[in-house]
């Protein structure tokens, strides 16, 4: 028989095996616990930012699909907002929804109490605003590069590519392989491109 050690009797096996039980956390230093908490918060902020980019891309895609295009009853071409007006719609929708989400989050976490948000809550709000600005900026590239008669049809294709890229990153972040993540990303891209193509086809009728 081996030598009896009191510490083996005091510490349960599941705690020594690192199963995530609170007893196991007591053996970690405060610095390790803080690092683990910071890493978890960074992952949460990254997921929230990706969710905001995906959400805004889908909302803008639907919004563009609802803009007036095609021809009226007199067979005259109907052109929706272009140029600065279209860019204003993109930026206003993106930043407005991000701010609305931040306001709702603040009410849900702090109610109507005054006082600043915590460090990680501020970073979350900033990351979501950055994601909204990224979507609006990428969509605005089409407004700058294409002529007025096709820029409204080009923006949905940019949004579709953003959706596909974000889905790929999300799947990779969840631990899936590159091949599987690529399949999901391509599926999302194809779906977005289908919507963009329908928008482009309808605008010509």
N, C-alpha and C. Protein backbone atom coordinates (compact mmCIF):
# COMPACT_ATOMS: atom_id res chain seq x y z
N UNK A 1 0.84 -1.19 0.00
CA UNK A 1 0.00 0.00 0.00
C UNK A 1 0.88 1.25 0.00
N UNK A 2 0.43 2.24 -0.67
CA UNK A 2 1.21 3.47 -0.71
C UNK A 2 1.08 4.25 0.58
N UNK A 3 1.94 5.22 0.68
CA UNK A 3 1.93 6.06 1.88
C UNK A 3 0.68 6.92 1.90
N UNK A 4 0.03 7.00 3.05
CA UNK A 4 -1.18 7.80 3.21
C UNK A 4 -0.83 9.26 3.30
N UNK A 5 -1.48 10.08 2.44
CA UNK A 5 -1.23 11.52 2.47
C UNK A 5 -2.54 12.22 2.78
N UNK A 6 -2.58 12.99 3.85
CA UNK A 6 -3.83 13.65 4.26
C UNK A 6 -4.42 14.52 3.17
N UNK A 7 -3.58 15.18 2.34
CA UNK A 7 -4.11 16.11 1.35
C UNK A 7 -4.92 15.38 0.28
N UNK A 8 -4.61 14.07 0.06
CA UNK A 8 -5.39 13.31 -0.90
C UNK A 8 -6.80 13.08 -0.39
N UNK A 9 -6.95 12.96 0.93
CA UNK A 9 -8.27 12.76 1.48
C UNK A 9 -9.07 14.04 1.52
N UNK A 10 -8.38 15.17 1.62
CA UNK A 10 -9.08 16.45 1.77
C UNK A 10 -9.55 17.00 0.43
N UNK A 11 -8.83 16.70 -0.67
CA UNK A 11 -9.18 17.27 -1.97
C UNK A 11 -9.85 16.20 -2.80
N UNK A 12 -11.12 16.38 -3.18
CA UNK A 12 -11.83 15.38 -3.98
C UNK A 12 -11.13 15.14 -5.31
N UNK A 13 -11.34 13.94 -5.87
CA UNK A 13 -10.70 13.60 -7.12
C UNK A 13 -11.19 14.50 -8.26
N UNK A 14 -12.51 14.81 -8.26
CA UNK A 14 -13.01 15.62 -9.36
C UNK A 14 -12.43 17.01 -9.34
N UNK A 15 -12.04 17.49 -8.15
CA UNK A 15 -11.42 18.81 -8.06
C UNK A 15 -10.01 18.76 -8.61
N UNK A 16 -9.26 17.65 -8.32
CA UNK A 16 -7.90 17.56 -8.81
C UNK A 16 -7.88 17.29 -10.31
N UNK A 17 -8.97 16.76 -10.85
CA UNK A 17 -9.00 16.46 -12.28
C UNK A 17 -9.31 17.68 -13.13
N UNK A 18 -9.65 18.80 -12.51
CA UNK A 18 -9.91 20.03 -13.26
C UNK A 18 -11.23 20.00 -13.99
N UNK A 19 -12.27 19.61 -13.30
CA UNK A 19 -13.58 19.49 -13.93
C UNK A 19 -14.35 20.79 -13.94
N UNK A 20 -13.77 21.86 -13.43
CA UNK A 20 -14.50 23.13 -13.40
C UNK A 20 -15.29 23.31 -12.13
N UNK A 21 -15.18 22.40 -11.18
CA UNK A 21 -15.87 22.53 -9.91
C UNK A 21 -15.30 23.70 -9.13
N UNK A 22 -16.11 24.43 -8.37
CA UNK A 22 -15.59 25.57 -7.59
C UNK A 22 -14.42 25.19 -6.71
N UNK A 23 -14.36 23.94 -6.23
CA UNK A 23 -13.23 23.54 -5.39
C UNK A 23 -11.93 23.65 -6.16
N UNK A 24 -12.00 23.35 -7.47
CA UNK A 24 -10.79 23.43 -8.28
C UNK A 24 -10.34 24.87 -8.46
N UNK A 25 -11.31 25.79 -8.55
CA UNK A 25 -10.96 27.19 -8.72
C UNK A 25 -10.23 27.75 -7.51
N UNK A 26 -10.45 27.14 -6.35
CA UNK A 26 -9.78 27.62 -5.15
C UNK A 26 -8.28 27.37 -5.22
N UNK A 27 -7.86 26.43 -6.06
CA UNK A 27 -6.45 26.13 -6.18
C UNK A 27 -5.76 27.06 -7.17
N UNK A 28 -6.54 27.88 -7.92
CA UNK A 28 -5.97 28.83 -8.88
C UNK A 28 -5.64 30.14 -8.17
N UNK A 29 -4.60 30.77 -8.63
CA UNK A 29 -4.20 32.05 -8.05
C UNK A 29 -5.18 33.13 -8.50
N UNK A 30 -5.28 34.23 -7.76
CA UNK A 30 -6.15 35.34 -8.19
C UNK A 30 -5.79 35.86 -9.58
N UNK A 31 -4.50 35.85 -9.91
CA UNK A 31 -4.07 36.31 -11.22
C UNK A 31 -4.61 35.40 -12.33
N UNK A 32 -4.57 34.07 -12.08
CA UNK A 32 -5.09 33.14 -13.07
C UNK A 32 -6.60 33.29 -13.25
N UNK A 33 -7.30 33.47 -12.13
CA UNK A 33 -8.74 33.67 -12.22
C UNK A 33 -9.08 34.94 -13.00
N UNK A 34 -8.31 35.99 -12.77
CA UNK A 34 -8.55 37.25 -13.48
C UNK A 34 -8.28 37.11 -14.97
N UNK A 35 -7.20 36.38 -15.32
CA UNK A 35 -6.89 36.17 -16.72
C UNK A 35 -7.98 35.36 -17.41
N UNK A 36 -8.49 34.33 -16.72
CA UNK A 36 -9.57 33.54 -17.29
C UNK A 36 -10.82 34.38 -17.49
N UNK A 37 -11.13 35.23 -16.52
CA UNK A 37 -12.31 36.09 -16.63
C UNK A 37 -12.14 37.09 -17.77
N UNK A 38 -10.95 37.66 -17.91
CA UNK A 38 -10.70 38.61 -18.99
C UNK A 38 -10.82 37.93 -20.36
N UNK A 39 -10.30 36.71 -20.45
CA UNK A 39 -10.39 35.98 -21.72
C UNK A 39 -11.84 35.69 -22.07
N UNK A 40 -12.64 35.33 -21.08
CA UNK A 40 -14.06 35.06 -21.32
C UNK A 40 -14.78 36.33 -21.78
N UNK A 41 -14.44 37.48 -21.16
CA UNK A 41 -15.07 38.74 -21.56
C UNK A 41 -14.67 39.13 -22.98
N UNK A 42 -13.41 38.90 -23.35
CA UNK A 42 -12.97 39.22 -24.71
C UNK A 42 -13.70 38.36 -25.73
N UNK A 43 -13.89 37.09 -25.41
CA UNK A 43 -14.63 36.22 -26.32
C UNK A 43 -16.08 36.69 -26.46
N UNK A 44 -16.66 37.11 -25.35
CA UNK A 44 -18.04 37.60 -25.39
C UNK A 44 -18.15 38.85 -26.25
N UNK A 45 -17.21 39.77 -26.10
CA UNK A 45 -17.23 41.00 -26.87
C UNK A 45 -17.05 40.71 -28.35
N UNK A 46 -16.16 39.76 -28.68
CA UNK A 46 -15.95 39.39 -30.07
C UNK A 46 -17.23 38.80 -30.67
N UNK A 47 -17.90 37.93 -29.92
CA UNK A 47 -19.14 37.33 -30.42
C UNK A 47 -20.22 38.40 -30.60
N UNK A 48 -20.32 39.35 -29.67
CA UNK A 48 -21.32 40.40 -29.79
C UNK A 48 -21.04 41.30 -30.99
N UNK A 49 -19.76 41.58 -31.25
CA UNK A 49 -19.40 42.40 -32.40
C UNK A 49 -19.75 41.69 -33.70
N UNK A 50 -19.45 40.39 -33.78
CA UNK A 50 -19.79 39.62 -34.98
C UNK A 50 -21.30 39.55 -35.16
N UNK A 51 -22.02 39.39 -34.05
CA UNK A 51 -23.48 39.35 -34.14
C UNK A 51 -24.03 40.67 -34.65
N UNK A 52 -23.43 41.79 -34.21
CA UNK A 52 -23.89 43.10 -34.67
C UNK A 52 -23.62 43.27 -36.16
N UNK A 53 -22.44 42.85 -36.63
CA UNK A 53 -22.12 42.95 -38.06
C UNK A 53 -23.09 42.12 -38.88
N UNK A 54 -23.36 40.90 -38.42
CA UNK A 54 -24.28 40.02 -39.14
C UNK A 54 -25.70 40.60 -39.14
N UNK A 55 -26.13 41.07 -37.98
CA UNK A 55 -27.47 41.62 -37.84
C UNK A 55 -27.67 42.84 -38.74
N UNK A 56 -26.72 43.75 -38.74
CA UNK A 56 -26.85 44.96 -39.55
C UNK A 56 -26.79 44.65 -41.03
N UNK A 57 -25.96 43.69 -41.41
CA UNK A 57 -25.88 43.32 -42.83
C UNK A 57 -27.23 42.79 -43.32
N UNK A 58 -27.87 41.96 -42.50
CA UNK A 58 -29.16 41.41 -42.87
C UNK A 58 -30.22 42.51 -42.91
N UNK A 59 -30.20 43.40 -41.92
CA UNK A 59 -31.19 44.49 -41.89
C UNK A 59 -31.02 45.40 -43.11
N UNK A 60 -29.78 45.77 -43.44
CA UNK A 60 -29.55 46.64 -44.60
C UNK A 60 -29.93 45.94 -45.90
N UNK A 61 -29.69 44.64 -45.96
CA UNK A 61 -30.07 43.89 -47.15
C UNK A 61 -31.59 43.93 -47.34
N UNK A 62 -32.31 43.75 -46.25
CA UNK A 62 -33.78 43.82 -46.32
C UNK A 62 -34.25 45.24 -46.62
N UNK A 63 -33.56 46.21 -46.05
CA UNK A 63 -33.96 47.61 -46.28
C UNK A 63 -33.76 48.00 -47.74
N UNK A 64 -32.65 47.59 -48.31
CA UNK A 64 -32.40 47.91 -49.72
C UNK A 64 -33.40 47.22 -50.63
N UNK A 65 -33.81 46.02 -50.25
CA UNK A 65 -34.79 45.31 -51.06
C UNK A 65 -36.13 46.03 -51.09
N UNK A 66 -36.40 46.85 -50.08
CA UNK A 66 -37.68 47.56 -50.00
C UNK A 66 -37.64 48.93 -50.67
N UNK A 67 -36.46 49.37 -51.13
CA UNK A 67 -36.38 50.68 -51.77
C UNK A 67 -37.05 50.65 -53.13
N UNK A 68 -37.68 51.75 -53.52
CA UNK A 68 -38.39 51.78 -54.81
C UNK A 68 -37.44 51.72 -55.99
N UNK A 69 -37.68 50.77 -56.89
CA UNK A 69 -36.92 50.63 -58.14
C UNK A 69 -37.85 50.09 -59.21
N UNK A 70 -37.35 50.04 -60.43
CA UNK A 70 -38.13 49.48 -61.53
C UNK A 70 -38.82 50.57 -62.33
N UNK A 71 -40.08 50.32 -62.69
CA UNK A 71 -40.84 51.26 -63.51
C UNK A 71 -42.23 51.47 -62.91
N UNK A 72 -42.76 52.67 -63.13
CA UNK A 72 -44.09 52.97 -62.63
C UNK A 72 -45.15 52.55 -63.64
N UNK A 73 -46.41 52.95 -63.40
CA UNK A 73 -47.51 52.57 -64.28
C UNK A 73 -47.36 53.15 -65.68
N UNK A 74 -46.68 54.27 -65.80
CA UNK A 74 -46.45 54.89 -67.11
C UNK A 74 -45.19 54.39 -67.76
N UNK A 75 -44.62 53.31 -67.20
CA UNK A 75 -43.38 52.71 -67.72
C UNK A 75 -42.19 53.65 -67.63
N UNK A 76 -42.26 54.59 -66.71
CA UNK A 76 -41.13 55.47 -66.46
C UNK A 76 -40.25 54.84 -65.38
N UNK A 77 -38.94 54.95 -65.56
CA UNK A 77 -38.04 54.35 -64.57
C UNK A 77 -38.17 55.03 -63.21
N UNK A 78 -38.20 54.21 -62.16
CA UNK A 78 -38.26 54.71 -60.79
C UNK A 78 -36.91 54.45 -60.13
N UNK A 79 -36.28 55.50 -59.72
CA UNK A 79 -34.96 55.36 -59.11
C UNK A 79 -35.03 55.76 -57.64
N UNK A 80 -34.58 54.86 -56.79
CA UNK A 80 -34.56 55.15 -55.37
C UNK A 80 -33.39 56.07 -55.02
N UNK A 81 -33.13 56.22 -53.74
CA UNK A 81 -32.03 57.09 -53.31
C UNK A 81 -30.67 56.59 -53.79
N UNK A 82 -29.84 57.50 -54.24
CA UNK A 82 -28.50 57.18 -54.70
C UNK A 82 -27.54 58.22 -54.14
N UNK A 83 -26.26 57.97 -54.32
CA UNK A 83 -25.24 58.92 -53.91
C UNK A 83 -25.25 59.19 -52.42
N UNK A 84 -25.27 60.45 -52.08
CA UNK A 84 -25.23 60.84 -50.67
C UNK A 84 -26.46 60.36 -49.91
N UNK A 85 -27.60 60.37 -50.58
CA UNK A 85 -28.82 59.92 -49.92
C UNK A 85 -28.72 58.44 -49.53
N UNK A 86 -28.20 57.62 -50.44
CA UNK A 86 -28.05 56.20 -50.15
C UNK A 86 -27.02 55.98 -49.05
N UNK A 87 -25.92 56.72 -49.11
CA UNK A 87 -24.90 56.60 -48.07
C UNK A 87 -25.46 57.03 -46.71
N UNK A 88 -26.28 58.06 -46.70
CA UNK A 88 -26.89 58.51 -45.45
C UNK A 88 -27.81 57.45 -44.88
N UNK A 89 -28.54 56.76 -45.75
CA UNK A 89 -29.42 55.67 -45.28
C UNK A 89 -28.59 54.56 -44.66
N UNK A 90 -27.50 54.19 -45.32
CA UNK A 90 -26.64 53.11 -44.82
C UNK A 90 -26.05 53.46 -43.46
N UNK A 91 -25.45 54.64 -43.37
CA UNK A 91 -24.81 55.04 -42.11
C UNK A 91 -25.84 55.31 -41.02
N UNK A 92 -26.94 55.95 -41.38
CA UNK A 92 -27.96 56.24 -40.37
C UNK A 92 -28.57 54.97 -39.80
N UNK A 93 -28.84 53.99 -40.66
CA UNK A 93 -29.41 52.74 -40.18
C UNK A 93 -28.42 51.98 -39.31
N UNK A 94 -27.18 51.88 -39.77
CA UNK A 94 -26.18 51.10 -39.04
C UNK A 94 -25.88 51.71 -37.67
N UNK A 95 -25.53 52.98 -37.64
CA UNK A 95 -25.19 53.61 -36.37
C UNK A 95 -26.42 53.74 -35.49
N UNK A 96 -27.57 54.04 -36.08
CA UNK A 96 -28.79 54.17 -35.29
C UNK A 96 -29.17 52.88 -34.60
N UNK A 97 -29.08 51.75 -35.30
CA UNK A 97 -29.41 50.47 -34.69
C UNK A 97 -28.40 50.09 -33.62
N UNK A 98 -27.13 50.40 -33.85
CA UNK A 98 -26.11 50.10 -32.85
C UNK A 98 -26.35 50.91 -31.57
N UNK A 99 -26.68 52.18 -31.72
CA UNK A 99 -26.97 53.01 -30.55
C UNK A 99 -28.24 52.56 -29.85
N UNK A 100 -29.24 52.16 -30.63
CA UNK A 100 -30.47 51.66 -30.03
C UNK A 100 -30.21 50.39 -29.22
N UNK A 101 -29.35 49.53 -29.76
CA UNK A 101 -29.00 48.30 -29.04
C UNK A 101 -28.25 48.63 -27.76
N UNK A 102 -27.34 49.62 -27.82
CA UNK A 102 -26.59 50.01 -26.61
C UNK A 102 -27.55 50.60 -25.57
N UNK A 103 -28.50 51.43 -26.00
CA UNK A 103 -29.44 52.04 -25.08
C UNK A 103 -30.30 50.96 -24.41
N UNK A 104 -30.77 50.00 -25.21
CA UNK A 104 -31.58 48.92 -24.64
C UNK A 104 -30.75 48.08 -23.67
N UNK A 105 -29.49 47.84 -24.01
CA UNK A 105 -28.62 47.07 -23.12
C UNK A 105 -28.40 47.80 -21.80
N UNK A 106 -28.21 49.12 -21.88
CA UNK A 106 -28.01 49.89 -20.64
C UNK A 106 -29.25 49.85 -19.76
N UNK A 107 -30.43 49.99 -20.39
CA UNK A 107 -31.66 49.91 -19.61
C UNK A 107 -31.84 48.54 -18.98
N UNK A 108 -31.47 47.50 -19.72
CA UNK A 108 -31.65 46.14 -19.21
C UNK A 108 -30.71 45.82 -18.07
N UNK A 109 -29.51 46.43 -18.09
CA UNK A 109 -28.51 46.10 -17.07
C UNK A 109 -28.52 47.08 -15.89
N UNK A 110 -28.81 48.35 -16.17
CA UNK A 110 -28.73 49.36 -15.11
C UNK A 110 -30.06 50.08 -14.87
N UNK A 111 -31.06 49.81 -15.69
CA UNK A 111 -32.30 50.53 -15.54
C UNK A 111 -32.11 52.01 -15.84
N UNK A 112 -32.78 52.84 -15.07
CA UNK A 112 -32.65 54.28 -15.25
C UNK A 112 -31.65 54.90 -14.28
N UNK A 113 -30.88 54.04 -13.62
CA UNK A 113 -29.89 54.57 -12.68
C UNK A 113 -28.78 55.30 -13.44
N UNK A 114 -28.28 56.33 -12.83
CA UNK A 114 -27.16 57.04 -13.41
C UNK A 114 -25.86 56.35 -13.03
N UNK A 115 -24.83 56.70 -13.76
CA UNK A 115 -23.54 56.10 -13.48
C UNK A 115 -22.94 55.49 -14.73
N UNK A 116 -21.62 55.49 -14.81
CA UNK A 116 -20.95 54.97 -16.02
C UNK A 116 -21.04 53.45 -16.11
N UNK A 117 -20.92 52.96 -17.32
CA UNK A 117 -20.86 51.53 -17.53
C UNK A 117 -19.51 50.99 -17.08
N UNK A 118 -19.46 49.71 -16.79
CA UNK A 118 -18.21 49.08 -16.42
C UNK A 118 -17.27 48.99 -17.61
N UNK A 119 -16.05 48.58 -17.33
CA UNK A 119 -15.01 48.51 -18.37
C UNK A 119 -15.44 47.63 -19.53
N UNK A 120 -15.87 46.41 -19.24
CA UNK A 120 -16.20 45.48 -20.31
C UNK A 120 -17.48 45.87 -21.02
N UNK A 121 -18.40 46.51 -20.33
CA UNK A 121 -19.62 46.97 -20.98
C UNK A 121 -19.31 48.11 -21.95
N UNK A 122 -18.39 48.98 -21.56
CA UNK A 122 -17.98 50.06 -22.47
C UNK A 122 -17.30 49.48 -23.71
N UNK A 123 -16.43 48.49 -23.51
CA UNK A 123 -15.76 47.87 -24.64
C UNK A 123 -16.76 47.16 -25.55
N UNK A 124 -17.77 46.58 -24.96
CA UNK A 124 -18.80 45.93 -25.77
C UNK A 124 -19.53 46.94 -26.63
N UNK A 125 -19.91 48.07 -26.04
CA UNK A 125 -20.60 49.12 -26.79
C UNK A 125 -19.72 49.65 -27.92
N UNK A 126 -18.44 49.87 -27.62
CA UNK A 126 -17.53 50.38 -28.64
C UNK A 126 -17.32 49.37 -29.76
N UNK A 127 -17.23 48.08 -29.40
CA UNK A 127 -17.04 47.06 -30.43
C UNK A 127 -18.25 46.96 -31.34
N UNK A 128 -19.43 47.12 -30.79
CA UNK A 128 -20.63 47.06 -31.62
C UNK A 128 -20.74 48.29 -32.52
N UNK A 129 -20.35 49.45 -32.00
CA UNK A 129 -20.32 50.64 -32.85
C UNK A 129 -19.29 50.49 -33.96
N UNK A 130 -18.14 49.90 -33.62
CA UNK A 130 -17.12 49.67 -34.63
C UNK A 130 -17.62 48.70 -35.69
N UNK A 131 -18.34 47.66 -35.27
CA UNK A 131 -18.92 46.74 -36.24
C UNK A 131 -19.93 47.41 -37.14
N UNK A 132 -20.74 48.29 -36.57
CA UNK A 132 -21.71 49.03 -37.38
C UNK A 132 -21.02 49.95 -38.37
N UNK A 133 -19.97 50.62 -37.93
CA UNK A 133 -19.22 51.50 -38.83
C UNK A 133 -18.54 50.70 -39.95
N UNK A 134 -18.08 49.50 -39.62
CA UNK A 134 -17.45 48.65 -40.63
C UNK A 134 -18.45 48.28 -41.72
N UNK A 135 -19.64 47.86 -41.32
CA UNK A 135 -20.67 47.49 -42.31
C UNK A 135 -21.03 48.69 -43.17
N UNK A 136 -21.25 49.83 -42.55
CA UNK A 136 -21.63 51.03 -43.31
C UNK A 136 -20.52 51.46 -44.26
N UNK A 137 -19.28 51.38 -43.79
CA UNK A 137 -18.15 51.79 -44.63
C UNK A 137 -17.99 50.86 -45.83
N UNK A 138 -18.08 49.55 -45.60
CA UNK A 138 -17.94 48.60 -46.70
C UNK A 138 -19.08 48.77 -47.71
N UNK A 139 -20.29 48.98 -47.22
CA UNK A 139 -21.42 49.18 -48.13
C UNK A 139 -21.29 50.49 -48.90
N UNK A 140 -20.68 51.49 -48.27
CA UNK A 140 -20.54 52.79 -48.92
C UNK A 140 -19.50 52.78 -50.03
N UNK A 141 -18.64 51.76 -50.03
CA UNK A 141 -17.64 51.66 -51.10
C UNK A 141 -18.33 51.57 -52.46
N UNK A 142 -19.43 50.82 -52.50
CA UNK A 142 -20.17 50.70 -53.76
C UNK A 142 -20.73 52.05 -54.22
N UNK A 143 -21.13 52.86 -53.26
CA UNK A 143 -21.66 54.19 -53.59
C UNK A 143 -20.58 55.05 -54.21
N UNK A 144 -19.36 54.87 -53.75
CA UNK A 144 -18.25 55.69 -54.26
C UNK A 144 -17.71 55.19 -55.60
N UNK A 145 -17.74 53.87 -55.79
CA UNK A 145 -17.08 53.30 -56.97
C UNK A 145 -17.99 53.16 -58.18
N UNK A 146 -19.30 52.97 -57.95
CA UNK A 146 -20.20 52.69 -59.07
C UNK A 146 -21.04 53.91 -59.42
N UNK A 147 -21.47 53.99 -60.68
CA UNK A 147 -22.35 55.11 -61.08
C UNK A 147 -23.71 54.99 -60.42
N UNK A 148 -24.45 56.08 -60.49
CA UNK A 148 -25.74 56.16 -59.79
C UNK A 148 -26.73 55.10 -60.25
N UNK A 149 -26.66 54.70 -61.52
CA UNK A 149 -27.69 53.80 -62.03
C UNK A 149 -27.52 52.36 -61.57
N UNK A 150 -26.36 52.00 -61.00
CA UNK A 150 -26.17 50.61 -60.55
C UNK A 150 -25.70 50.50 -59.11
N UNK A 151 -25.41 51.60 -58.45
CA UNK A 151 -24.86 51.50 -57.10
C UNK A 151 -25.83 50.88 -56.11
N UNK A 152 -27.13 51.15 -56.29
CA UNK A 152 -28.11 50.58 -55.39
C UNK A 152 -28.21 49.06 -55.55
N UNK A 153 -27.92 48.56 -56.75
CA UNK A 153 -27.92 47.13 -56.99
C UNK A 153 -26.60 46.48 -56.54
N UNK A 154 -25.52 47.28 -56.46
CA UNK A 154 -24.22 46.73 -56.08
C UNK A 154 -24.07 46.55 -54.57
N UNK A 155 -24.71 47.41 -53.80
CA UNK A 155 -24.57 47.35 -52.35
C UNK A 155 -25.00 46.01 -51.77
N UNK A 156 -26.13 45.41 -52.19
CA UNK A 156 -26.52 44.13 -51.62
C UNK A 156 -25.49 43.03 -51.81
N UNK A 157 -24.73 43.06 -52.92
CA UNK A 157 -23.71 42.04 -53.13
C UNK A 157 -22.58 42.20 -52.12
N UNK A 158 -22.25 43.44 -51.78
CA UNK A 158 -21.23 43.68 -50.74
C UNK A 158 -21.72 43.15 -49.40
N UNK A 159 -22.97 43.42 -49.09
CA UNK A 159 -23.54 42.93 -47.82
C UNK A 159 -23.57 41.41 -47.78
N UNK A 160 -23.87 40.79 -48.92
CA UNK A 160 -23.89 39.32 -48.98
C UNK A 160 -22.50 38.76 -48.69
N UNK A 161 -21.46 39.40 -49.22
CA UNK A 161 -20.09 38.93 -48.95
C UNK A 161 -19.73 39.11 -47.48
N UNK A 162 -20.19 40.19 -46.86
CA UNK A 162 -19.95 40.39 -45.43
C UNK A 162 -20.61 39.29 -44.63
N UNK A 163 -21.85 38.95 -44.97
CA UNK A 163 -22.58 37.89 -44.26
C UNK A 163 -21.83 36.56 -44.37
N UNK A 164 -21.39 36.23 -45.57
CA UNK A 164 -20.64 34.99 -45.74
C UNK A 164 -19.35 34.97 -44.94
N UNK A 165 -18.62 36.08 -44.94
CA UNK A 165 -17.37 36.15 -44.18
C UNK A 165 -17.59 36.05 -42.68
N UNK A 166 -18.62 36.71 -42.18
CA UNK A 166 -18.90 36.66 -40.75
C UNK A 166 -19.31 35.26 -40.31
N UNK A 167 -20.14 34.61 -41.11
CA UNK A 167 -20.55 33.24 -40.77
C UNK A 167 -19.34 32.33 -40.70
N UNK A 168 -18.41 32.50 -41.63
CA UNK A 168 -17.18 31.69 -41.60
C UNK A 168 -16.40 31.93 -40.31
N UNK A 169 -16.23 33.20 -39.93
CA UNK A 169 -15.48 33.52 -38.72
C UNK A 169 -16.17 33.00 -37.46
N UNK A 170 -17.49 33.10 -37.44
CA UNK A 170 -18.24 32.60 -36.28
C UNK A 170 -18.08 31.09 -36.15
N UNK A 171 -18.17 30.39 -37.27
CA UNK A 171 -18.02 28.93 -37.22
C UNK A 171 -16.61 28.54 -36.80
N UNK A 172 -15.63 29.27 -37.26
CA UNK A 172 -14.24 28.99 -36.84
C UNK A 172 -14.07 29.26 -35.36
N UNK A 173 -14.70 30.34 -34.88
CA UNK A 173 -14.60 30.67 -33.47
C UNK A 173 -15.27 29.65 -32.57
N UNK A 174 -16.25 28.92 -33.12
CA UNK A 174 -16.94 27.90 -32.33
C UNK A 174 -16.21 26.56 -32.35
N UNK A 175 -15.07 26.52 -33.04
CA UNK A 175 -14.26 25.31 -33.02
C UNK A 175 -14.41 24.41 -34.22
N UNK A 176 -15.17 24.80 -35.22
CA UNK A 176 -15.32 23.97 -36.40
C UNK A 176 -14.07 24.04 -37.29
N UNK A 177 -13.90 23.04 -38.12
CA UNK A 177 -12.76 23.00 -39.01
C UNK A 177 -12.90 24.06 -40.10
N UNK A 178 -11.78 24.32 -40.79
CA UNK A 178 -11.83 25.31 -41.87
C UNK A 178 -12.78 24.89 -42.98
N UNK A 179 -12.75 23.59 -43.30
CA UNK A 179 -13.62 23.11 -44.38
C UNK A 179 -15.09 23.28 -44.02
N UNK A 180 -15.46 22.87 -42.80
CA UNK A 180 -16.86 22.99 -42.39
C UNK A 180 -17.27 24.45 -42.30
N UNK A 181 -16.39 25.29 -41.74
CA UNK A 181 -16.69 26.71 -41.65
C UNK A 181 -16.86 27.33 -43.03
N UNK A 182 -16.03 26.88 -43.97
CA UNK A 182 -16.13 27.41 -45.33
C UNK A 182 -17.46 27.02 -45.97
N UNK A 183 -17.92 25.80 -45.69
CA UNK A 183 -19.21 25.35 -46.24
C UNK A 183 -20.34 26.24 -45.72
N UNK A 184 -20.35 26.49 -44.40
CA UNK A 184 -21.39 27.34 -43.83
C UNK A 184 -21.28 28.76 -44.37
N UNK A 185 -20.05 29.26 -44.52
CA UNK A 185 -19.86 30.60 -45.05
C UNK A 185 -20.36 30.73 -46.48
N UNK A 186 -20.06 29.71 -47.30
CA UNK A 186 -20.52 29.74 -48.69
C UNK A 186 -22.04 29.65 -48.76
N UNK A 187 -22.65 28.82 -47.90
CA UNK A 187 -24.11 28.72 -47.88
C UNK A 187 -24.74 30.07 -47.56
N UNK A 188 -24.18 30.77 -46.55
CA UNK A 188 -24.70 32.10 -46.19
C UNK A 188 -24.46 33.09 -47.33
N UNK A 189 -23.30 32.97 -47.97
CA UNK A 189 -22.99 33.86 -49.10
C UNK A 189 -23.97 33.65 -50.25
N UNK A 190 -24.24 32.39 -50.58
CA UNK A 190 -25.17 32.09 -51.67
C UNK A 190 -26.56 32.63 -51.35
N UNK A 191 -27.00 32.45 -50.10
CA UNK A 191 -28.31 32.97 -49.72
C UNK A 191 -28.37 34.48 -49.87
N UNK A 192 -27.31 35.16 -49.40
CA UNK A 192 -27.27 36.61 -49.53
C UNK A 192 -27.21 37.05 -50.98
N UNK A 193 -26.42 36.34 -51.79
CA UNK A 193 -26.33 36.68 -53.21
C UNK A 193 -27.65 36.45 -53.92
N UNK A 194 -28.41 35.45 -53.48
CA UNK A 194 -29.72 35.20 -54.08
C UNK A 194 -30.65 36.38 -53.85
N UNK A 195 -30.64 36.88 -52.60
CA UNK A 195 -31.47 38.06 -52.30
C UNK A 195 -31.00 39.26 -53.11
N UNK A 196 -29.67 39.43 -53.20
CA UNK A 196 -29.14 40.57 -53.95
C UNK A 196 -29.48 40.46 -55.43
N UNK A 197 -29.44 39.24 -55.97
CA UNK A 197 -29.77 39.04 -57.38
C UNK A 197 -31.24 39.34 -57.65
N UNK A 198 -32.11 38.88 -56.76
CA UNK A 198 -33.54 39.18 -56.90
C UNK A 198 -33.78 40.68 -56.89
N UNK A 199 -33.07 41.36 -56.00
CA UNK A 199 -33.22 42.82 -55.95
C UNK A 199 -32.77 43.44 -57.26
N UNK A 200 -31.67 42.94 -57.82
CA UNK A 200 -31.16 43.50 -59.07
C UNK A 200 -32.10 43.21 -60.22
N UNK A 201 -32.67 42.00 -60.26
CA UNK A 201 -33.59 41.63 -61.34
C UNK A 201 -34.87 42.45 -61.27
N UNK A 202 -35.42 42.59 -60.07
CA UNK A 202 -36.66 43.35 -59.92
C UNK A 202 -36.48 44.82 -60.28
N UNK A 203 -35.27 45.33 -60.06
CA UNK A 203 -35.03 46.75 -60.35
C UNK A 203 -35.03 47.04 -61.85
N UNK A 204 -34.90 46.00 -62.66
CA UNK A 204 -34.87 46.20 -64.11
C UNK A 204 -36.24 46.04 -64.75
N UNK A 205 -37.25 45.74 -63.92
CA UNK A 205 -38.60 45.54 -64.46
C UNK A 205 -39.55 46.63 -63.93
